[in-house]
């Protein structure tokens, strides 16, 4: 997945700084994010992040990390730091997840698929 493969849609009319609601449109489906966003000179911090999206898509931790790195590249920041909100559903409701830092790739990422002629 490349930065041009995704679209970020901010719902400015129903967002109130710093709490922002936005969609991430990917080739796999739609992911909706809500959180308190702080933009630094070379990084993005998201606190109290809530995630929702297409129920049919198996997002998984690996896919979410990769998507975060692609978003960092698209926004031209060195890293994104995520402070998740207290879980309301899923595994361990009531628990706050640890802080996650997603580094922007240092080199352009190329597809691992091989093309044969």
PDB file of N, CA and C in Angstrom:
ATOM      1  N   UNK A   1       0.842  -1.173   0.000  1.00  0.00           N
ATOM      2  CA  UNK A   1       0.000   0.000   0.000  1.00  0.00           C
ATOM      3  C   UNK A   1       0.887   1.235   0.000  1.00  0.00           C
ATOM      4  N   UNK A   2       0.551   2.186  -0.853  1.00  0.00           N
ATOM      5  CA  UNK A   2       1.309   3.420  -1.004  1.00  0.00           C
ATOM      6  C   UNK A   2       0.454   4.605  -0.555  1.00  0.00           C
ATOM      7  N   UNK A   3       1.074   5.759  -0.259  1.00  0.00           N
ATOM      8  CA  UNK A   3       0.304   6.930   0.171  1.00  0.00           C
ATOM      9  C   UNK A   3      -0.801   7.335  -0.815  1.00  0.00           C
ATOM     10  N   UNK A   4      -0.562   7.161  -2.099  1.00  0.00           N
ATOM     11  CA  UNK A   4      -1.588   7.523  -3.088  1.00  0.00           C
ATOM     12  C   UNK A   4      -2.749   6.530  -3.113  1.00  0.00           C
ATOM     13  N   UNK A   5      -2.595   5.388  -2.446  1.00  0.00           N
ATOM     14  CA  UNK A   5      -3.653   4.379  -2.410  1.00  0.00           C
ATOM     15  C   UNK A   5      -4.718   4.684  -1.364  1.00  0.00           C
ATOM     16  N   UNK A   6      -4.461   5.659  -0.484  1.00  0.00           N
ATOM     17  CA  UNK A   6      -5.421   5.958   0.574  1.00  0.00           C
ATOM     18  C   UNK A   6      -5.890   7.404   0.470  1.00  0.00           C
ATOM     19  N   UNK A   7      -7.049   7.660   1.056  1.00  0.00           N
ATOM     20  CA  UNK A   7      -7.593   9.013   1.108  1.00  0.00           C
ATOM     21  C   UNK A   7      -7.996   9.288   2.557  1.00  0.00           C
ATOM     22  N   UNK A   8      -7.638  10.479   3.045  1.00  0.00           N
ATOM     23  CA  UNK A   8      -8.018  10.907   4.383  1.00  0.00           C
ATOM     24  C   UNK A   8      -9.127  11.943   4.257  1.00  0.00           C
ATOM     25  N   UNK A   9     -10.252  11.705   4.909  1.00  0.00           N
ATOM     26  CA  UNK A   9     -11.389  12.623   4.842  1.00  0.00           C
ATOM     27  C   UNK A   9     -11.685  13.124   6.248  1.00  0.00           C
ATOM     28  N   UNK A  10     -11.503  14.423   6.471  1.00  0.00           N
ATOM     29  CA  UNK A  10     -11.765  15.041   7.760  1.00  0.00           C
ATOM     30  C   UNK A  10     -13.189  15.580   7.780  1.00  0.00           C
ATOM     31  N   UNK A  11     -13.918  15.271   8.836  1.00  0.00           N
ATOM     32  CA  UNK A  11     -15.271  15.800   9.016  1.00  0.00           C
ATOM     33  C   UNK A  11     -15.178  17.058   9.880  1.00  0.00           C
ATOM     34  N   UNK A  12     -14.764  18.165   9.255  1.00  0.00           N
ATOM     35  CA  UNK A  12     -14.528  19.418   9.970  1.00  0.00           C
ATOM     36  C   UNK A  12     -15.809  19.985  10.566  1.00  0.00           C
ATOM     37  N   UNK A  13     -16.943  19.770   9.913  1.00  0.00           N
ATOM     38  CA  UNK A  13     -18.197  20.344  10.392  1.00  0.00           C
ATOM     39  C   UNK A  13     -18.680  19.717  11.699  1.00  0.00           C
ATOM     40  N   UNK A  14     -18.271  18.484  12.000  1.00  0.00           N
ATOM     41  CA  UNK A  14     -18.685  17.848  13.248  1.00  0.00           C
ATOM     42  C   UNK A  14     -17.501  17.561  14.174  1.00  0.00           C
ATOM     43  N   UNK A  15     -16.318  18.048  13.800  1.00  0.00           N
ATOM     44  CA  UNK A  15     -15.135  17.914  14.641  1.00  0.00           C
ATOM     45  C   UNK A  15     -14.914  19.224  15.386  1.00  0.00           C
ATOM     46  N   UNK A  16     -14.316  19.112  16.563  1.00  0.00           N
ATOM     47  CA  UNK A  16     -14.002  20.310  17.335  1.00  0.00           C
ATOM     48  C   UNK A  16     -12.571  20.169  17.830  1.00  0.00           C
ATOM     49  N   UNK A  17     -11.686  21.034  17.333  1.00  0.00           N
ATOM     50  CA  UNK A  17     -10.266  20.970  17.638  1.00  0.00           C
ATOM     51  C   UNK A  17     -10.051  20.848  19.136  1.00  0.00           C
ATOM     52  N   UNK A  18      -9.286  19.915  19.649  1.00  0.00           N
ATOM     53  CA  UNK A  18      -8.388  18.995  18.951  1.00  0.00           C
ATOM     54  C   UNK A  18      -9.030  17.644  18.637  1.00  0.00           C
ATOM     55  N   UNK A  19     -10.309  17.439  18.983  1.00  0.00           N
ATOM     56  CA  UNK A  19     -10.952  16.152  18.736  1.00  0.00           C
ATOM     57  C   UNK A  19     -11.446  16.101  17.295  1.00  0.00           C
ATOM     58  N   UNK A  20     -10.850  15.228  16.508  1.00  0.00           N
ATOM     59  CA  UNK A  20     -11.152  15.158  15.078  1.00  0.00           C
ATOM     60  C   UNK A  20     -11.720  13.794  14.709  1.00  0.00           C
ATOM     61  N   UNK A  21     -12.683  13.824  13.807  1.00  0.00           N
ATOM     62  CA  UNK A  21     -13.271  12.610  13.244  1.00  0.00           C
ATOM     63  C   UNK A  21     -12.877  12.566  11.779  1.00  0.00           C
ATOM     64  N   UNK A  22     -12.289  11.450  11.361  1.00  0.00           N
ATOM     65  CA  UNK A  22     -11.955  11.328   9.947  1.00  0.00           C
ATOM     66  C   UNK A  22     -12.019   9.889   9.497  1.00  0.00           C
ATOM     67  N   UNK A  23     -12.204   9.744   8.194  1.00  0.00           N
ATOM     68  CA  UNK A  23     -12.221   8.442   7.541  1.00  0.00           C
ATOM     69  C   UNK A  23     -10.907   8.224   6.826  1.00  0.00           C
ATOM     70  N   UNK A  24     -10.472   6.986   6.809  1.00  0.00           N
ATOM     71  CA  UNK A  24      -9.329   6.576   5.999  1.00  0.00           C
ATOM     72  C   UNK A  24      -9.889   5.586   4.984  1.00  0.00           C
ATOM     73  N   UNK A  25      -9.889   5.984   3.727  1.00  0.00           N
ATOM     74  CA  UNK A  25     -10.395   5.129   2.665  1.00  0.00           C
ATOM     75  C   UNK A  25      -9.210   4.385   2.073  1.00  0.00           C
ATOM     76  N   UNK A  26      -9.254   3.057   2.152  1.00  0.00           N
ATOM     77  CA  UNK A  26      -8.156   2.217   1.676  1.00  0.00           C
ATOM     78  C   UNK A  26      -8.683   1.264   0.612  1.00  0.00           C
ATOM     79  N   UNK A  27      -7.800   0.609  -0.121  1.00  0.00           N
ATOM     80  CA  UNK A  27      -8.252  -0.412  -1.071  1.00  0.00           C
ATOM     81  C   UNK A  27      -9.000  -1.557  -0.378  1.00  0.00           C
ATOM     82  N   UNK A  28      -8.717  -1.788   0.916  1.00  0.00           N
ATOM     83  CA  UNK A  28      -9.365  -2.862   1.665  1.00  0.00           C
ATOM     84  C   UNK A  28     -10.726  -2.481   2.215  1.00  0.00           C
ATOM     85  N   UNK A  29     -10.974  -1.187   2.416  1.00  0.00           N
ATOM     86  CA  UNK A  29     -12.230  -0.740   2.992  1.00  0.00           C
ATOM     87  C   UNK A  29     -12.057   0.564   3.734  1.00  0.00           C
ATOM     88  N   UNK A  30     -13.082   0.925   4.484  1.00  0.00           N
ATOM     89  CA  UNK A  30     -13.134   2.195   5.198  1.00  0.00           C
ATOM     90  C   UNK A  30     -12.811   1.988   6.676  1.00  0.00           C
ATOM     91  N   UNK A  31     -11.980   2.873   7.209  1.00  0.00           N
ATOM     92  CA  UNK A  31     -11.647   2.864   8.622  1.00  0.00           C
ATOM     93  C   UNK A  31     -11.997   4.249   9.155  1.00  0.00           C
ATOM     94  N   UNK A  32     -12.745   4.305  10.257  1.00  0.00           N
ATOM     95  CA  UNK A  32     -13.125   5.586  10.840  1.00  0.00           C
ATOM     96  C   UNK A  32     -12.365   5.786  12.142  1.00  0.00           C
ATOM     97  N   UNK A  33     -11.769   6.977  12.309  1.00  0.00           N
ATOM     98  CA  UNK A  33     -10.934   7.283  13.458  1.00  0.00           C
ATOM     99  C   UNK A  33     -11.450   8.525  14.166  1.00  0.00           C
ATOM    100  N   UNK A  34     -11.396   8.506  15.491  1.00  0.00           N
ATOM    101  CA  UNK A  34     -11.785   9.645  16.317  1.00  0.00           C
ATOM    102  C   UNK A  34     -10.740   9.785  17.406  1.00  0.00           C
ATOM    103  N   UNK A  35     -10.169  10.975  17.559  1.00  0.00           N
ATOM    104  CA  UNK A  35      -9.164  11.174  18.589  1.00  0.00           C
ATOM    105  C   UNK A  35      -8.758  12.622  18.704  1.00  0.00           C
ATOM    106  N   UNK A  36      -8.020  12.919  19.764  1.00  0.00           N
ATOM    107  CA  UNK A  36      -7.472  14.260  19.983  1.00  0.00           C
ATOM    108  C   UNK A  36      -6.123  14.331  19.282  1.00  0.00           C
ATOM    109  N   UNK A  37      -6.031  15.177  18.280  1.00  0.00           N
ATOM    110  CA  UNK A  37      -4.867  15.222  17.396  1.00  0.00           C
ATOM    111  C   UNK A  37      -4.011  16.446  17.693  1.00  0.00           C
ATOM    112  N   UNK A  38      -2.709  16.216  17.847  1.00  0.00           N
ATOM    113  CA  UNK A  38      -1.724  17.281  18.026  1.00  0.00           C
ATOM    114  C   UNK A  38      -0.677  17.128  16.930  1.00  0.00           C
ATOM    115  N   UNK A  39      -0.489  18.158  16.133  1.00  0.00           N
ATOM    116  CA  UNK A  39       0.480  18.107  15.033  1.00  0.00           C
ATOM    117  C   UNK A  39       1.726  18.875  15.451  1.00  0.00           C
ATOM    118  N   UNK A  40       2.881  18.209  15.418  1.00  0.00           N
ATOM    119  CA  UNK A  40       4.159  18.853  15.682  1.00  0.00           C
ATOM    120  C   UNK A  40       4.855  19.154  14.365  1.00  0.00           C
ATOM    121  N   UNK A  41       6.070  19.652  14.439  1.00  0.00           N
ATOM    122  CA  UNK A  41       6.797  19.991  13.217  1.00  0.00           C
ATOM    123  C   UNK A  41       7.158  18.758  12.398  1.00  0.00           C
ATOM    124  N   UNK A  42       7.414  17.632  13.088  1.00  0.00           N
ATOM    125  CA  UNK A  42       7.806  16.429  12.354  1.00  0.00           C
ATOM    126  C   UNK A  42       7.062  15.182  12.837  1.00  0.00           C
ATOM    127  N   UNK A  43       5.991  15.381  13.617  1.00  0.00           N
ATOM    128  CA  UNK A  43       5.273  14.219  14.146  1.00  0.00           C
ATOM    129  C   UNK A  43       3.796  14.548  14.369  1.00  0.00           C
ATOM    130  N   UNK A  44       3.036  13.501  14.584  1.00  0.00           N
ATOM    131  CA  UNK A  44       1.611  13.608  14.858  1.00  0.00           C
ATOM    132  C   UNK A  44       1.340  12.767  16.098  1.00  0.00           C
ATOM    133  N   UNK A  45       0.630  13.341  17.072  1.00  0.00           N
ATOM    134  CA  UNK A  45       0.248  12.612  18.277  1.00  0.00           C
ATOM    135  C   UNK A  45      -1.269  12.525  18.300  1.00  0.00           C
ATOM    136  N   UNK A  46      -1.792  11.311  18.493  1.00  0.00           N
ATOM    137  CA  UNK A  46      -3.232  11.097  18.593  1.00  0.00           C
ATOM    138  C   UNK A  46      -3.506  10.484  19.956  1.00  0.00           C
ATOM    139  N   UNK A  47      -4.303  11.177  20.763  1.00  0.00           N
ATOM    140  CA  UNK A  47      -4.653  10.707  22.104  1.00  0.00           C
ATOM    141  C   UNK A  47      -6.110  10.273  22.142  1.00  0.00           C
ATOM    142  N   UNK A  48      -6.405   9.311  22.991  1.00  0.00           N
ATOM    143  CA  UNK A  48      -7.773   8.792  23.154  1.00  0.00           C
ATOM    144  C   UNK A  48      -8.356   8.334  21.821  1.00  0.00           C
ATOM    145  N   UNK A  49      -7.568   7.595  21.069  1.00  0.00           N
ATOM    146  CA  UNK A  49      -7.986   7.128  19.743  1.00  0.00           C
ATOM    147  C   UNK A  49      -9.044   6.040  19.842  1.00  0.00           C
ATOM    148  N   UNK A  50     -10.111   6.221  19.063  1.00  0.00           N
ATOM    149  CA  UNK A  50     -11.154   5.217  18.879  1.00  0.00           C
ATOM    150  C   UNK A  50     -11.142   4.829  17.402  1.00  0.00           C
ATOM    151  N   UNK A  51     -11.290   3.531  17.115  1.00  0.00           N
ATOM    152  CA  UNK A  51     -11.255   3.029  15.745  1.00  0.00           C
ATOM    153  C   UNK A  51     -12.527   2.251  15.459  1.00  0.00           C
ATOM    154  N   UNK A  52     -13.094   2.488  14.292  1.00  0.00           N
ATOM    155  CA  UNK A  52     -14.228   1.712  13.802  1.00  0.00           C
ATOM    156  C   UNK A  52     -14.037   1.525  12.310  1.00  0.00           C
ATOM    157  N   UNK A  53     -14.826   0.686  11.706  1.00  0.00           N
ATOM    158  CA  UNK A  53     -14.668   0.511  10.274  1.00  0.00           C
ATOM    159  C   UNK A  53     -15.538  -0.599   9.742  1.00  0.00           C
ATOM    160  N   UNK A  54     -15.274  -0.959   8.503  1.00  0.00           N
ATOM    161  CA  UNK A  54     -16.018  -2.028   7.848  1.00  0.00           C
ATOM    162  C   UNK A  54     -15.911  -3.311   8.663  1.00  0.00           C
ATOM    163  N   UNK A  55     -17.040  -3.819   9.094  1.00  0.00           N
ATOM    164  CA  UNK A  55     -17.056  -5.029   9.913  1.00  0.00           C
ATOM    165  C   UNK A  55     -16.565  -6.251   9.144  1.00  0.00           C
ATOM    166  N   UNK A  56     -16.698  -6.236   7.817  1.00  0.00           N
ATOM    167  CA  UNK A  56     -16.290  -7.385   7.000  1.00  0.00           C
ATOM    168  C   UNK A  56     -14.775  -7.495   6.857  1.00  0.00           C
ATOM    169  N   UNK A  57     -14.068  -6.397   7.110  1.00  0.00           N
ATOM    170  CA  UNK A  57     -12.619  -6.373   6.908  1.00  0.00           C
ATOM    171  C   UNK A  57     -11.917  -6.851   8.174  1.00  0.00           C
ATOM    172  N   UNK A  58     -10.990  -7.771   8.010  1.00  0.00           N
ATOM    173  CA  UNK A  58     -10.140  -8.239   9.109  1.00  0.00           C
ATOM    174  C   UNK A  58      -8.948  -7.286   9.178  1.00  0.00           C
ATOM    175  N   UNK A  59      -9.079  -6.195   9.963  1.00  0.00           N
ATOM    176  CA  UNK A  59      -8.022  -5.191   9.972  1.00  0.00           C
ATOM    177  C   UNK A  59      -6.743  -5.757  10.564  1.00  0.00           C
ATOM    178  N   UNK A  60      -6.779  -6.305  11.729  1.00  0.00           N
ATOM    179  CA  UNK A  60      -5.591  -6.919  12.319  1.00  0.00           C
ATOM    180  C   UNK A  60      -4.512  -5.911  12.664  1.00  0.00           C
ATOM    181  N   UNK A  61      -3.690  -6.281  13.638  1.00  0.00           N
ATOM    182  CA  UNK A  61      -2.639  -5.399  14.117  1.00  0.00           C
ATOM    183  C   UNK A  61      -1.613  -5.081  13.026  1.00  0.00           C
ATOM    184  N   UNK A  62      -1.218  -6.058  12.254  1.00  0.00           N
ATOM    185  CA  UNK A  62      -0.222  -5.860  11.197  1.00  0.00           C
ATOM    186  C   UNK A  62      -0.713  -4.864  10.150  1.00  0.00           C
ATOM    187  N   UNK A  63      -1.941  -5.022   9.722  1.00  0.00           N
ATOM    188  CA  UNK A  63      -2.505  -4.134   8.705  1.00  0.00           C
ATOM    189  C   UNK A  63      -2.656  -2.707   9.242  1.00  0.00           C
ATOM    190  N   UNK A  64      -3.044  -2.565  10.520  1.00  0.00           N
ATOM    191  CA  UNK A  64      -3.194  -1.235  11.119  1.00  0.00           C
ATOM    192  C   UNK A  64      -1.841  -0.538  11.255  1.00  0.00           C
ATOM    193  N   UNK A  65      -0.801  -1.284  11.630  1.00  0.00           N
ATOM    194  CA  UNK A  65       0.538  -0.689  11.733  1.00  0.00           C
ATOM    195  C   UNK A  65       1.025  -0.222  10.359  1.00  0.00           C
ATOM    196  N   UNK A  66       0.827  -1.048   9.354  1.00  0.00           N
ATOM    197  CA  UNK A  66       1.240  -0.673   8.002  1.00  0.00           C
ATOM    198  C   UNK A  66       0.483   0.565   7.535  1.00  0.00           C
ATOM    199  N   UNK A  67      -0.809   0.606   7.803  1.00  0.00           N
ATOM    200  CA  UNK A  67      -1.624   1.757   7.417  1.00  0.00           C
ATOM    201  C   UNK A  67      -1.137   3.012   8.137  1.00  0.00           C
ATOM    202  N   UNK A  68      -0.782   2.902   9.412  1.00  0.00           N
ATOM    203  CA  UNK A  68      -0.247   4.048  10.152  1.00  0.00           C
ATOM    204  C   UNK A  68       1.024   4.591   9.533  1.00  0.00           C
ATOM    205  N   UNK A  69       1.893   3.693   9.091  1.00  0.00           N
ATOM    206  CA  UNK A  69       3.140   4.131   8.444  1.00  0.00           C
ATOM    207  C   UNK A  69       2.861   4.817   7.105  1.00  0.00           C
ATOM    208  N   UNK A  70       1.880   4.326   6.382  1.00  0.00           N
ATOM    209  CA  UNK A  70       1.506   4.944   5.099  1.00  0.00           C
ATOM    210  C   UNK A  70       0.910   6.333   5.352  1.00  0.00           C
ATOM    211  N   UNK A  71       0.110   6.465   6.408  1.00  0.00           N
ATOM    212  CA  UNK A  71      -0.454   7.777   6.750  1.00  0.00           C
ATOM    213  C   UNK A  71       0.666   8.741   7.135  1.00  0.00           C
ATOM    214  N   UNK A  72       1.664   8.281   7.892  1.00  0.00           N
ATOM    215  CA  UNK A  72       2.807   9.127   8.254  1.00  0.00           C
ATOM    216  C   UNK A  72       3.519   9.625   7.003  1.00  0.00           C
ATOM    217  N   UNK A  73       3.685   8.742   6.039  1.00  0.00           N
ATOM    218  CA  UNK A  73       4.331   9.127   4.778  1.00  0.00           C
ATOM    219  C   UNK A  73       3.466  10.131   4.023  1.00  0.00           C
ATOM    220  N   UNK A  74       2.167   9.902   3.976  1.00  0.00           N
ATOM    221  CA  UNK A  74       1.245  10.800   3.262  1.00  0.00           C
ATOM    222  C   UNK A  74       1.232  12.196   3.896  1.00  0.00           C
ATOM    223  N   UNK A  75       1.288  12.249   5.244  1.00  0.00           N
ATOM    224  CA  UNK A  75       1.262  13.530   5.948  1.00  0.00           C
ATOM    225  C   UNK A  75       2.646  14.154   6.092  1.00  0.00           C
ATOM    226  N   UNK A  76       3.682  13.447   5.602  1.00  0.00           N
ATOM    227  CA  UNK A  76       5.053  13.925   5.634  1.00  0.00           C
ATOM    228  C   UNK A  76       5.536  14.211   7.065  1.00  0.00           C
ATOM    229  N   UNK A  77       5.268  13.258   7.970  1.00  0.00           N
ATOM    230  CA  UNK A  77       5.782  13.340   9.335  1.00  0.00           C
ATOM    231  C   UNK A  77       6.712  12.157   9.576  1.00  0.00           C
ATOM    232  N   UNK A  78       7.647  12.315  10.511  1.00  0.00           N
ATOM    233  CA  UNK A  78       8.602  11.247  10.799  1.00  0.00           C
ATOM    234  C   UNK A  78       7.953  10.078  11.536  1.00  0.00           C
ATOM    235  N   UNK A  79       6.979  10.396  12.391  1.00  0.00           N
ATOM    236  CA  UNK A  79       6.303   9.330  13.131  1.00  0.00           C
ATOM    237  C   UNK A  79       4.929   9.778  13.599  1.00  0.00           C
ATOM    238  N   UNK A  80       4.110   8.781  13.919  1.00  0.00           N
ATOM    239  CA  UNK A  80       2.811   9.000  14.537  1.00  0.00           C
ATOM    240  C   UNK A  80       2.840   8.276  15.879  1.00  0.00           C
ATOM    241  N   UNK A  81       2.470   8.994  16.924  1.00  0.00           N
ATOM    242  CA  UNK A  81       2.412   8.410  18.258  1.00  0.00           C
ATOM    243  C   UNK A  81       0.942   8.281  18.651  1.00  0.00           C
ATOM    244  N   UNK A  82       0.540   7.078  19.025  1.00  0.00           N
ATOM    245  CA  UNK A  82      -0.863   6.808  19.310  1.00  0.00           C
ATOM    246  C   UNK A  82      -1.033   6.426  20.777  1.00  0.00           C
ATOM    247  N   UNK A  83      -1.940   7.137  21.433  1.00  0.00           N
ATOM    248  CA  UNK A  83      -2.340   6.856  22.805  1.00  0.00           C
ATOM    249  C   UNK A  83      -3.795   6.422  22.726  1.00  0.00           C
ATOM    250  N   UNK A  84      -4.044   5.140  22.763  1.00  0.00           N
ATOM    251  CA  UNK A  84      -5.391   4.625  22.604  1.00  0.00           C
ATOM    252  C   UNK A  84      -6.298   4.967  23.768  1.00  0.00           C
ATOM    253  N   UNK A  85      -7.597   4.994  23.496  1.00  0.00           N
ATOM    254  CA  UNK A  85      -8.597   5.238  24.532  1.00  0.00           C
ATOM    255  C   UNK A  85      -8.827   3.955  25.327  1.00  0.00           C
ATOM    256  N   UNK A  86      -9.448   4.095  26.475  1.00  0.00           N
ATOM    257  CA  UNK A  86      -9.806   2.926  27.276  1.00  0.00           C
ATOM    258  C   UNK A  86     -10.761   2.067  26.461  1.00  0.00           C
ATOM    259  N   UNK A  87     -10.482   0.765  26.403  1.00  0.00           N
ATOM    260  CA  UNK A  87     -11.292  -0.155  25.588  1.00  0.00           C
ATOM    261  C   UNK A  87     -12.690  -0.280  26.163  1.00  0.00           C
ATOM    262  N   UNK A  88     -13.685  -0.236  25.265  1.00  0.00           N
ATOM    263  CA  UNK A  88     -15.066  -0.433  25.683  1.00  0.00           C
ATOM    264  C   UNK A  88     -15.595  -1.789  25.245  1.00  0.00           C
ATOM    265  N   UNK A  89     -14.954  -2.386  24.232  1.00  0.00           N
ATOM    266  CA  UNK A  89     -15.365  -3.697  23.725  1.00  0.00           C
ATOM    267  C   UNK A  89     -14.118  -4.517  23.436  1.00  0.00           C
ATOM    268  N   UNK A  90     -14.314  -5.719  22.943  1.00  0.00           N
ATOM    269  CA  UNK A  90     -13.190  -6.556  22.531  1.00  0.00           C
ATOM    270  C   UNK A  90     -12.438  -7.140  23.710  1.00  0.00           C
ATOM    271  N   UNK A  91     -11.151  -7.368  23.495  1.00  0.00           N
ATOM    272  CA  UNK A  91     -10.309  -7.978  24.533  1.00  0.00           C
ATOM    273  C   UNK A  91     -10.028  -6.977  25.640  1.00  0.00           C
ATOM    274  N   UNK A  92     -10.215  -7.401  26.866  1.00  0.00           N
ATOM    275  CA  UNK A  92      -9.895  -6.600  28.051  1.00  0.00           C
ATOM    276  C   UNK A  92     -10.600  -5.246  28.109  1.00  0.00           C
ATOM    277  N   UNK A  93     -11.933  -5.195  28.073  1.00  0.00           N
ATOM    278  CA  UNK A  93     -12.632  -3.908  28.230  1.00  0.00           C
ATOM    279  C   UNK A  93     -12.212  -3.236  29.536  1.00  0.00           C
ATOM    280  N   UNK A  94     -12.103  -1.915  29.507  1.00  0.00           N
ATOM    281  CA  UNK A  94     -11.683  -1.155  30.680  1.00  0.00           C
ATOM    282  C   UNK A  94     -10.185  -0.917  30.755  1.00  0.00           C
ATOM    283  N   UNK A  95      -9.423  -1.555  29.878  1.00  0.00           N
ATOM    284  CA  UNK A  95      -7.958  -1.419  29.868  1.00  0.00           C
ATOM    285  C   UNK A  95      -7.539  -0.380  28.842  1.00  0.00           C
ATOM    286  N   UNK A  96      -6.560   0.449  29.205  1.00  0.00           N
ATOM    287  CA  UNK A  96      -5.995   1.416  28.259  1.00  0.00           C
ATOM    288  C   UNK A  96      -4.785   0.772  27.587  1.00  0.00           C
ATOM    289  N   UNK A  97      -4.771   0.742  26.244  1.00  0.00           N
ATOM    290  CA  UNK A  97      -3.619   0.154  25.559  1.00  0.00           C
ATOM    291  C   UNK A  97      -2.360   1.013  25.742  1.00  0.00           C
ATOM    292  N   UNK A  98      -1.222   0.399  25.544  1.00  0.00           N
ATOM    293  CA  UNK A  98       0.043   1.120  25.643  1.00  0.00           C
ATOM    294  C   UNK A  98       0.230   2.083  24.483  1.00  0.00           C
ATOM    295  N   UNK A  99       1.212   2.958  24.624  1.00  0.00           N
ATOM    296  CA  UNK A  99       1.534   3.928  23.579  1.00  0.00           C
ATOM    297  C   UNK A  99       2.225   3.208  22.421  1.00  0.00           C
ATOM    298  N   UNK A 100       1.818   3.552  21.205  1.00  0.00           N
ATOM    299  CA  UNK A 100       2.408   2.958  20.001  1.00  0.00           C
ATOM    300  C   UNK A 100       3.019   4.079  19.165  1.00  0.00           C
ATOM    301  N   UNK A 101       4.257   3.881  18.730  1.00  0.00           N
ATOM    302  CA  UNK A 101       4.912   4.851  17.847  1.00  0.00           C
ATOM    303  C   UNK A 101       5.166   4.173  16.505  1.00  0.00           C
ATOM    304  N   UNK A 102       4.608   4.764  15.469  1.00  0.00           N
ATOM    305  CA  UNK A 102       4.755   4.231  14.112  1.00  0.00           C
ATOM    306  C   UNK A 102       5.695   5.139  13.331  1.00  0.00           C
ATOM    307  N   UNK A 103       6.852   4.622  12.967  1.00  0.00           N
ATOM    308  CA  UNK A 103       7.848   5.398  12.234  1.00  0.00           C
ATOM    309  C   UNK A 103       7.562   5.387  10.741  1.00  0.00           C
ATOM    310  N   UNK A 104       7.759   6.526  10.128  1.00  0.00           N
ATOM    311  CA  UNK A 104       7.639   6.623   8.677  1.00  0.00           C
ATOM    312  C   UNK A 104       8.769   5.820   8.051  1.00  0.00           C
ATOM    313  N   UNK A 105       8.476   5.097   6.970  1.00  0.00           N
ATOM    314  CA  UNK A 105       9.560   4.351   6.297  1.00  0.00           C
ATOM    315  C   UNK A 105      10.658   5.310   5.842  1.00  0.00           C
ATOM    316  N   UNK A 106      11.916   4.884   5.992  1.00  0.00           N
ATOM    317  CA  UNK A 106      13.023   5.740   5.592  1.00  0.00           C
ATOM    318  C   UNK A 106      13.240   5.730   4.088  1.00  0.00           C
ATOM    319  N   UNK A 107      12.783   4.686   3.440  1.00  0.00           N
ATOM    320  CA  UNK A 107      12.880   4.592   1.981  1.00  0.00           C
ATOM    321  C   UNK A 107      11.509   4.263   1.443  1.00  0.00           C
ATOM    322  N   UNK A 108      11.242   4.608   0.182  1.00  0.00           N
ATOM    323  CA  UNK A 108       9.943   4.240  -0.388  1.00  0.00           C
ATOM    324  C   UNK A 108       9.738   2.731  -0.313  1.00  0.00           C
ATOM    325  N   UNK A 109       8.523   2.339   0.029  1.00  0.00           N
ATOM    326  CA  UNK A 109       8.193   0.925   0.141  1.00  0.00           C
ATOM    327  C   UNK A 109       7.718   0.404  -1.211  1.00  0.00           C
ATOM    328  N   UNK A 110       8.297  -0.685  -1.640  1.00  0.00           N
ATOM    329  CA  UNK A 110       7.913  -1.292  -2.907  1.00  0.00           C
ATOM    330  C   UNK A 110       7.111  -2.546  -2.634  1.00  0.00           C
ATOM    331  N   UNK A 111       6.274  -2.877  -3.548  1.00  0.00           N
ATOM    332  CA  UNK A 111       5.439  -4.064  -3.398  1.00  0.00           C
ATOM    333  C   UNK A 111       6.318  -5.305  -3.347  1.00  0.00           C
ATOM    334  N   UNK A 112       5.931  -6.254  -2.524  1.00  0.00           N
ATOM    335  CA  UNK A 112       6.683  -7.509  -2.431  1.00  0.00           C
ATOM    336  C   UNK A 112       6.210  -8.513  -3.475  1.00  0.00           C
ATOM    337  N   UNK A 113       5.164  -8.134  -4.216  1.00  0.00           N
ATOM    338  CA  UNK A 113       4.659  -9.039  -5.261  1.00  0.00           C
ATOM    339  C   UNK A 113       5.637  -9.077  -6.428  1.00  0.00           C
ATOM    340  N   UNK A 114       5.827 -10.244  -6.941  1.00  0.00           N
ATOM    341  CA  UNK A 114       6.704 -10.405  -8.108  1.00  0.00           C
ATOM    342  C   UNK A 114       5.868 -10.390  -9.378  1.00  0.00           C
ATOM    343  N   UNK A 115       6.377  -9.724 -10.362  1.00  0.00           N
ATOM    344  CA  UNK A 115       5.683  -9.704 -11.650  1.00  0.00           C
ATOM    345  C   UNK A 115       6.510 -10.510 -12.647  1.00  0.00           C
ATOM    346  N   UNK A 116       5.836 -11.375 -13.346  1.00  0.00           N
ATOM    347  CA  UNK A 116       6.495 -12.207 -14.354  1.00  0.00           C
ATOM    348  C   UNK A 116       5.954 -11.841 -15.711  1.00  0.00           C
ATOM    349  N   UNK A 117       6.831 -11.870 -16.689  1.00  0.00           N
ATOM    350  CA  UNK A 117       6.361 -11.579 -18.046  1.00  0.00           C
ATOM    351  C   UNK A 117       6.374 -12.814 -18.899  1.00  0.00           C
TER     352      UNK A 117
END
